[in-house]
Amino acid sequence: MAETDWTPLANSLEPEQISRGRTTASEFGIVDGSAAVGFHSLDAAAGLSGFVSALVGFAPIANRKGGIITALVKKHAPMAGGAPLLFFVNSPDALAAEGYILGLTEEWPYSIALKRGMLSAGLKGDNALAKSSAVFSAAAWLELALYVTVNTQNDIVLRVLRRDPVLTGAWAAVPGIDDVIDDAVGLLTGTPPVYGDFYPGFGHYNSGQSGRVSLFDHITIARQTAP
């Protein structure tokens, strides 16, 4: 997708706090040798820097419809404190956005984790709906997919897949992360699901340290049209 297909989240951290942009630096081991989108925390600010789709029909997706986002993601620096995130949220404002979030947790070693909650709260293994059985300790590219589907009963069904090897392997479930149903009556979380017009996006959460780097490549989005 092109740079013009995305718009910054309102109330993202300032570029002087988290720099962001396209990079071709060989140090990042970009999979196809072209470019990736990178975020780099330049100071010890806590918060989020990210983008949501600017495409017609995706900015936002119609109420009571979800979609799919896929991407290659990477935690480059072998340090705790930063988390690359993929998400469907109900606001284009980083401080107000709530929804469904998939990413690599702030810890190091880190897990793949799925969360329901505020985008501004980051992603830790102990506040996730589910996390991978495997723990990762390498700065490697992982290809992930997040499915958010609203069914005919208004439950929200969450599915996480991973492809390995990236770009060529078969999509498969992530051990430890089964499908999650955020049910319409709120038995799972104690409250009803997060409804509203969904904005698909990606970004970097920084929990208060400098020198943390998140990378994204080969991002795709699709929207739910039925039921």
Protein backbone atom coordinates (compact mmCIF):
# COMPACT_ATOMS: atom_id res chain seq x y z
CA MET A 1 0.00 0.00 0.00
CA ALA A 2 1.17 3.56 -0.74
CA GLU A 3 2.03 6.21 1.84
CA THR A 4 -1.04 8.19 0.74
CA ASP A 5 -3.25 5.27 1.81
CA TRP A 6 -2.54 6.07 5.48
CA THR A 7 -3.06 9.06 7.76
CA PRO A 8 -1.44 9.66 11.18
CA LEU A 9 -3.50 8.97 14.28
CA ALA A 10 -4.48 12.20 16.00
CA ASN A 11 -2.58 12.75 19.24
CA SER A 12 0.27 10.46 18.19
CA LEU A 13 3.52 11.27 19.93
CA GLU A 14 5.41 14.04 18.13
CA PRO A 15 8.04 13.10 15.50
CA GLU A 16 10.64 14.58 17.85
CA GLN A 17 9.68 11.85 20.33
CA ILE A 18 9.10 8.94 17.94
CA SER A 19 10.46 9.36 14.43
CA ARG A 20 8.59 7.52 11.68
CA GLY A 21 8.86 6.95 7.97
CA ARG A 22 9.96 4.70 5.14
CA THR A 23 13.43 3.22 5.35
CA THR A 24 15.65 1.14 3.09
CA ALA A 25 18.41 0.64 5.70
CA SER A 26 20.06 -2.74 5.23
CA GLU A 27 20.48 -3.08 9.02
CA PHE A 28 16.77 -3.88 9.28
CA GLY A 29 16.99 -6.97 7.09
CA ILE A 30 14.04 -5.90 4.93
CA VAL A 31 12.57 -9.09 3.50
CA ASP A 32 12.30 -8.16 -0.17
CA GLY A 33 15.14 -5.65 -0.19
CA SER A 34 12.98 -2.60 -0.89
CA ALA A 35 11.55 -0.48 1.95
CA ALA A 36 9.73 -0.81 5.27
CA VAL A 37 7.95 1.60 7.61
CA GLY A 38 9.89 2.22 10.79
CA PHE A 39 9.27 3.89 14.15
CA HIS A 40 12.13 4.85 16.50
CA SER A 41 11.68 6.26 20.01
CA LEU A 42 14.07 9.19 20.33
CA ASP A 43 13.35 9.95 23.97
CA ALA A 44 11.73 8.36 27.00
CA ALA A 45 8.17 9.38 26.15
CA ALA A 46 5.32 6.97 26.81
CA GLY A 47 2.59 6.70 24.22
CA LEU A 48 1.76 5.73 20.69
CA SER A 49 2.68 6.74 17.17
CA GLY A 50 0.63 5.20 14.38
CA PHE A 51 -1.45 5.38 11.24
CA VAL A 52 -4.98 4.47 10.20
CA SER A 53 -6.28 3.80 6.73
CA ALA A 54 -7.20 6.80 4.56
CA LEU A 55 -8.87 4.67 1.87
CA VAL A 56 -12.52 5.26 0.96
CA GLY A 57 -14.60 2.59 2.68
CA PHE A 58 -11.85 1.96 5.25
CA ALA A 59 -11.76 5.37 6.91
CA PRO A 60 -13.74 4.07 8.64
CA ILE A 61 -15.27 0.68 7.90
CA ALA A 62 -19.05 0.78 8.31
CA ASN A 63 -20.52 0.19 11.79
CA ARG A 64 -20.96 -3.48 12.81
CA LYS A 65 -18.44 -4.66 10.20
CA GLY A 66 -14.87 -5.77 10.77
CA GLY A 67 -12.06 -6.82 8.49
CA ILE A 68 -8.57 -8.26 8.16
CA ILE A 69 -5.16 -6.67 8.52
CA THR A 70 -1.92 -8.51 7.71
CA ALA A 71 1.68 -7.36 7.93
CA LEU A 72 5.26 -8.28 8.50
CA VAL A 73 6.23 -6.91 11.92
CA LYS A 74 9.53 -6.72 13.76
CA LYS A 75 10.92 -5.58 17.11
CA HIS A 76 14.39 -4.57 16.00
CA ALA A 77 16.13 -3.66 19.24
CA PRO A 78 16.58 -6.54 21.72
CA MET A 79 15.18 -4.52 24.62
CA ALA A 80 11.89 -4.33 26.51
CA GLY A 81 9.70 -1.29 26.18
CA GLY A 82 8.41 -1.11 22.63
CA ALA A 83 5.57 -2.92 20.87
CA PRO A 84 4.62 -3.01 17.17
CA LEU A 85 0.81 -3.15 16.87
CA LEU A 86 -1.83 -4.00 14.26
CA PHE A 87 -5.37 -2.98 15.15
CA PHE A 88 -9.03 -2.26 14.47
CA VAL A 89 -10.13 0.62 16.72
CA ASN A 90 -13.22 2.82 17.01
CA SER A 91 -11.52 6.22 16.78
CA PRO A 92 -8.73 7.83 14.71
CA ASP A 93 -7.44 9.50 17.92
CA ALA A 94 -4.60 7.67 19.66
CA LEU A 95 -5.84 8.74 23.10
CA ALA A 96 -9.48 7.74 22.56
CA ALA A 97 -9.13 4.65 20.34
CA GLU A 98 -10.42 1.37 21.75
CA GLY A 99 -10.69 -1.93 19.96
CA TYR A 100 -8.84 -5.11 19.05
CA ILE A 101 -5.06 -5.17 18.97
CA LEU A 102 -2.50 -7.73 17.83
CA GLY A 103 1.22 -7.31 18.20
CA LEU A 104 4.53 -8.21 19.76
CA THR A 105 4.49 -7.50 23.49
CA GLU A 106 6.56 -4.87 25.26
CA GLU A 107 8.58 -7.51 27.12
CA TRP A 108 11.86 -8.99 25.92
CA PRO A 109 11.77 -11.89 25.23
CA TYR A 110 8.36 -11.16 23.74
CA SER A 111 5.17 -12.97 22.77
CA ILE A 112 2.60 -12.57 20.03
CA ALA A 113 -0.47 -11.30 21.86
CA LEU A 114 -4.10 -10.38 21.22
CA LYS A 115 -5.79 -7.72 23.33
CA ARG A 116 -9.07 -5.89 23.63
CA GLY A 117 -8.71 -2.40 25.08
CA MET A 118 -7.36 1.11 24.70
CA LEU A 119 -4.68 1.59 22.09
CA SER A 120 -2.92 4.06 24.39
CA ALA A 121 -2.42 1.34 27.04
CA GLY A 122 0.10 -0.65 25.01
CA LEU A 123 0.45 -4.42 24.90
CA LYS A 124 1.78 -6.56 27.72
CA GLY A 125 1.50 -10.31 28.01
CA ASP A 126 -0.34 -10.10 31.33
CA ASN A 127 -3.20 -7.92 30.00
CA ALA A 128 -3.87 -9.87 26.81
CA LEU A 129 -6.90 -11.95 25.86
CA ALA A 130 -4.47 -14.58 24.58
CA LYS A 131 -0.77 -14.91 23.82
CA SER A 132 1.45 -17.32 21.97
CA SER A 133 2.81 -20.40 23.67
CA ALA A 134 6.18 -19.56 22.15
CA VAL A 135 8.35 -16.77 23.49
CA PHE A 136 10.66 -15.06 21.00
CA SER A 137 14.14 -13.75 21.69
CA ALA A 138 15.32 -12.71 18.23
CA ALA A 139 14.84 -9.52 16.24
CA ALA A 140 13.11 -11.35 13.40
CA TRP A 141 10.34 -10.51 10.96
CA LEU A 142 7.04 -12.24 11.82
CA GLU A 143 4.07 -12.23 9.45
CA LEU A 144 0.76 -11.90 11.28
CA ALA A 145 -2.92 -11.59 10.40
CA LEU A 146 -5.75 -10.28 12.58
CA TYR A 147 -9.34 -11.12 11.64
CA VAL A 148 -12.14 -9.14 13.32
CA THR A 149 -15.58 -10.40 12.23
CA VAL A 150 -18.99 -9.28 13.47
CA ASN A 151 -21.40 -12.22 13.20
CA THR A 152 -25.18 -12.22 12.82
CA GLN A 153 -25.64 -12.30 16.61
CA ASN A 154 -23.38 -9.21 16.97
CA ASP A 155 -20.65 -11.23 18.65
CA ILE A 156 -17.17 -10.21 17.53
CA VAL A 157 -15.01 -13.16 16.49
CA LEU A 158 -11.25 -12.70 16.66
CA ARG A 159 -8.79 -14.89 14.81
CA VAL A 160 -4.99 -14.68 14.67
CA LEU A 161 -2.86 -16.39 12.03
CA ARG A 162 0.85 -16.50 11.30
CA ARG A 163 2.71 -17.33 8.09
CA ASP A 164 6.13 -18.96 8.30
CA PRO A 165 8.29 -18.70 6.24
CA VAL A 166 7.10 -15.14 5.66
CA LEU A 167 5.47 -14.38 2.30
CA THR A 168 5.77 -17.99 1.11
CA GLY A 169 4.47 -20.30 3.84
CA ALA A 170 0.93 -21.35 4.63
CA TRP A 171 -1.18 -19.32 7.05
CA ALA A 172 -1.77 -21.23 10.30
CA ALA A 173 -3.08 -20.66 13.80
CA VAL A 174 -0.66 -19.38 16.43
CA PRO A 175 -0.28 -21.99 19.20
CA GLY A 176 -1.72 -20.52 22.38
CA ILE A 177 -4.07 -18.12 20.59
CA ASP A 178 -7.37 -19.85 19.85
CA ASP A 179 -10.26 -18.03 18.21
CA VAL A 180 -11.85 -15.63 20.70
CA ILE A 181 -15.54 -14.70 20.73
CA ASP A 182 -16.20 -11.34 22.36
CA ASP A 183 -19.84 -12.17 22.91
CA ALA A 184 -22.71 -9.72 22.58
CA VAL A 185 -23.77 -10.13 26.22
CA GLY A 186 -20.28 -9.59 27.63
CA LEU A 187 -19.61 -12.90 29.37
CA LEU A 188 -15.98 -12.95 28.22
CA THR A 189 -14.91 -9.49 29.36
CA GLY A 190 -17.74 -8.30 31.60
CA THR A 191 -18.86 -5.67 29.09
CA PRO A 192 -20.31 -5.80 25.56
CA PRO A 193 -17.90 -5.93 22.60
CA VAL A 194 -16.29 -2.82 21.18
CA TYR A 195 -18.67 -1.62 18.48
CA GLY A 196 -18.54 1.38 16.19
CA ASP A 197 -16.93 2.40 12.94
CA PHE A 198 -13.61 0.53 12.83
CA TYR A 199 -10.36 2.12 11.67
CA PRO A 200 -7.70 -0.42 10.65
CA GLY A 201 -4.13 0.63 11.34
CA PHE A 202 -0.66 -0.02 12.67
CA GLY A 203 1.81 1.68 14.96
CA HIS A 204 4.44 1.62 17.67
CA TYR A 205 3.69 1.82 21.40
CA ASN A 206 6.52 3.11 23.57
CA SER A 207 6.37 2.54 27.32
CA GLY A 208 8.92 5.16 28.33
CA GLN A 209 12.35 4.25 26.96
CA SER A 210 14.46 5.60 24.13
CA GLY A 211 16.00 3.53 21.36
CA ARG A 212 13.07 1.18 20.73
CA VAL A 213 12.32 0.34 17.09
CA SER A 214 9.25 -1.20 15.43
CA LEU A 215 9.13 -2.11 11.75
CA PHE A 216 6.29 -2.96 9.34
CA ASP A 217 6.19 -4.20 5.77
CA HIS A 218 3.75 -5.79 3.28
CA ILE A 219 0.67 -4.38 5.03
CA THR A 220 -2.71 -5.39 3.59
CA ILE A 221 -6.25 -4.63 4.74
CA ALA A 222 -9.65 -6.04 3.77
CA ARG A 223 -13.13 -5.19 5.02
CA GLN A 224 -16.04 -7.38 6.02
CA THR A 225 -19.05 -7.12 3.71
CA ALA A 226 -21.25 -9.93 5.07
CA PRO A 227 -23.23 -10.88 7.04
